[in-house]
Amino acid sequence: MNTPENKNVAETHGCVVCAKVFSVLAVYTPGGKLLDCTVTSPGGHIVPDKQQPLVACNTHPEDEIESAYKRWQSNNKMKGSDSEYENE
């Protein structure tokens, strides 16, 4: 029996506020759904989003990140995402 395994992928993502580039390690199901991710380069952290890895610099205030995330959602028509910023 051959069962599909999750896929670990090294990706590059820009900060949602200023576009500074960060390395990210993401884990996807065999069907392509994001399971988890982490920033592997210094100075950044994950912005919670169930659809895809998003990153922000540690130096940006939370309200600035939230505003940028909402702009990102609007630009990418990601309505219905289960992020922690979704209903604020």
C-alpha atoms as a PDB file:
ATOM      1  CA  MET A   1       0.000   0.000   0.000  1.00  0.00           C
ATOM      2  CA  ASN A   2       1.446   3.342  -1.062  1.00  0.00           C
ATOM      3  CA  THR A   3       0.034   6.304   0.910  1.00  0.00           C
ATOM      4  CA  PRO A   4       0.712   9.886  -0.180  1.00  0.00           C
ATOM      5  CA  GLU A   5       2.844  11.942   2.172  1.00  0.00           C
ATOM      6  CA  ASN A   6       2.861  15.603   3.077  1.00  0.00           C
ATOM      7  CA  LYS A   7       5.246  17.754   1.079  1.00  0.00           C
ATOM      8  CA  ASN A   8       7.809  20.122   2.644  1.00  0.00           C
ATOM      9  CA  VAL A   9       8.580  23.082   0.392  1.00  0.00           C
ATOM     10  CA  ALA A  10      11.185  25.841   0.806  1.00  0.00           C
ATOM     11  CA  GLU A  11       9.620  29.074  -0.463  1.00  0.00           C
ATOM     12  CA  THR A  12      10.418  32.769  -0.652  1.00  0.00           C
ATOM     13  CA  HIS A  13       7.796  35.303   0.453  1.00  0.00           C
ATOM     14  CA  GLY A  14       7.810  39.072   0.875  1.00  0.00           C
ATOM     15  CA  CYS A  15       6.623  40.947   3.942  1.00  0.00           C
ATOM     16  CA  VAL A  16       2.943  41.932   3.508  1.00  0.00           C
ATOM     17  CA  VAL A  17       3.829  45.461   4.681  1.00  0.00           C
ATOM     18  CA  CYS A  18       7.145  46.331   2.977  1.00  0.00           C
ATOM     19  CA  ALA A  19       7.969  43.355   0.699  1.00  0.00           C
ATOM     20  CA  LYS A  20      11.282  42.503   2.424  1.00  0.00           C
ATOM     21  CA  VAL A  21      12.085  38.925   1.354  1.00  0.00           C
ATOM     22  CA  PHE A  22      12.065  35.981   3.785  1.00  0.00           C
ATOM     23  CA  SER A  23      12.656  32.253   3.438  1.00  0.00           C
ATOM     24  CA  VAL A  24       9.746  30.072   4.535  1.00  0.00           C
ATOM     25  CA  LEU A  25       9.400  26.336   5.054  1.00  0.00           C
ATOM     26  CA  ALA A  26       5.832  25.236   4.270  1.00  0.00           C
ATOM     27  CA  VAL A  27       4.147  21.858   4.684  1.00  0.00           C
ATOM     28  CA  TYR A  28       1.364  20.920   2.264  1.00  0.00           C
ATOM     29  CA  THR A  29      -0.984  17.930   2.100  1.00  0.00           C
ATOM     30  CA  PRO A  30      -0.812  15.742  -1.011  1.00  0.00           C
ATOM     31  CA  GLY A  31      -3.866  17.716  -2.209  1.00  0.00           C
ATOM     32  CA  GLY A  32      -2.025  21.037  -1.883  1.00  0.00           C
ATOM     33  CA  LYS A  33      -3.638  22.379   1.318  1.00  0.00           C
ATOM     34  CA  LEU A  34      -1.295  24.332   3.613  1.00  0.00           C
ATOM     35  CA  LEU A  35      -0.813  22.517   6.932  1.00  0.00           C
ATOM     36  CA  ASP A  36       1.862  24.635   8.611  1.00  0.00           C
ATOM     37  CA  CYS A  37       4.730  26.989   7.886  1.00  0.00           C
ATOM     38  CA  THR A  38       7.591  28.791   9.574  1.00  0.00           C
ATOM     39  CA  VAL A  39       9.947  31.624   8.677  1.00  0.00           C
ATOM     40  CA  THR A  40      13.493  30.282   8.434  1.00  0.00           C
ATOM     41  CA  SER A  41      15.313  33.592   7.963  1.00  0.00           C
ATOM     42  CA  PRO A  42      15.804  36.101  10.796  1.00  0.00           C
ATOM     43  CA  GLY A  43      13.609  39.118  11.441  1.00  0.00           C
ATOM     44  CA  GLY A  44      10.223  37.842  10.305  1.00  0.00           C
ATOM     45  CA  HIS A  45       7.192  35.923  11.475  1.00  0.00           C
ATOM     46  CA  ILE A  46       4.184  34.213   9.920  1.00  0.00           C
ATOM     47  CA  VAL A  47       0.955  36.168   9.429  1.00  0.00           C
ATOM     48  CA  PRO A  48      -1.860  33.670  10.111  1.00  0.00           C
ATOM     49  CA  ASP A  49      -3.672  32.595   6.935  1.00  0.00           C
ATOM     50  CA  LYS A  50      -4.983  29.099   6.143  1.00  0.00           C
ATOM     51  CA  GLN A  51      -4.633  29.503   2.369  1.00  0.00           C
ATOM     52  CA  GLN A  52      -0.921  30.250   1.918  1.00  0.00           C
ATOM     53  CA  PRO A  53       2.189  31.327   3.829  1.00  0.00           C
ATOM     54  CA  LEU A  54       2.323  35.062   4.561  1.00  0.00           C
ATOM     55  CA  VAL A  55       5.149  36.886   6.338  1.00  0.00           C
ATOM     56  CA  ALA A  56       5.709  40.192   8.131  1.00  0.00           C
ATOM     57  CA  CYS A  57       8.822  41.817   9.574  1.00  0.00           C
ATOM     58  CA  ASN A  58       9.146  41.692  13.357  1.00  0.00           C
ATOM     59  CA  THR A  59       9.600  45.481  13.362  1.00  0.00           C
ATOM     60  CA  HIS A  60       6.123  46.366  12.037  1.00  0.00           C
ATOM     61  CA  PRO A  61       3.408  47.152  14.606  1.00  0.00           C
ATOM     62  CA  GLU A  62       0.430  44.773  14.722  1.00  0.00           C
ATOM     63  CA  ASP A  63      -2.043  47.365  13.380  1.00  0.00           C
ATOM     64  CA  GLU A  64       0.181  48.000  10.347  1.00  0.00           C
ATOM     65  CA  ILE A  65       0.391  44.248   9.648  1.00  0.00           C
ATOM     66  CA  GLU A  66      -3.372  43.838  10.033  1.00  0.00           C
ATOM     67  CA  SER A  67      -4.029  46.695   7.614  1.00  0.00           C
ATOM     68  CA  ALA A  68      -1.579  45.265   5.058  1.00  0.00           C
ATOM     69  CA  TYR A  69      -3.129  41.809   5.439  1.00  0.00           C
ATOM     70  CA  LYS A  70      -6.609  43.187   4.760  1.00  0.00           C
ATOM     71  CA  ARG A  71      -5.276  44.958   1.631  1.00  0.00           C
ATOM     72  CA  TRP A  72      -3.650  41.694   0.550  1.00  0.00           C
ATOM     73  CA  GLN A  73      -6.949  39.836   1.034  1.00  0.00           C
ATOM     74  CA  SER A  74      -8.819  42.438  -0.980  1.00  0.00           C
ATOM     75  CA  ASN A  75      -6.252  42.381  -3.783  1.00  0.00           C
ATOM     76  CA  ASN A  76      -6.216  38.589  -3.944  1.00  0.00           C
ATOM     77  CA  LYS A  77      -9.941  38.015  -3.414  1.00  0.00           C
ATOM     78  CA  MET A  78      -9.208  35.609  -0.584  1.00  0.00           C
ATOM     79  CA  LYS A  79     -12.571  36.119   1.104  1.00  0.00           C
ATOM     80  CA  GLY A  80     -13.552  33.267   3.383  1.00  0.00           C
ATOM     81  CA  SER A  81     -10.040  32.641   4.731  1.00  0.00           C
ATOM     82  CA  ASP A  82      -9.886  31.405   8.332  1.00  0.00           C
ATOM     83  CA  SER A  83      -7.291  33.883   9.505  1.00  0.00           C
ATOM     84  CA  GLU A  84      -7.226  35.478  12.931  1.00  0.00           C
ATOM     85  CA  TYR A  85      -7.572  38.904  11.277  1.00  0.00           C
ATOM     86  CA  GLU A  86     -10.638  37.898   9.266  1.00  0.00           C
ATOM     87  CA  ASN A  87     -13.398  39.281  11.476  1.00  0.00           C
ATOM     88  CA  GLU A  88     -11.713  42.121  13.310  1.00  0.00           C
END
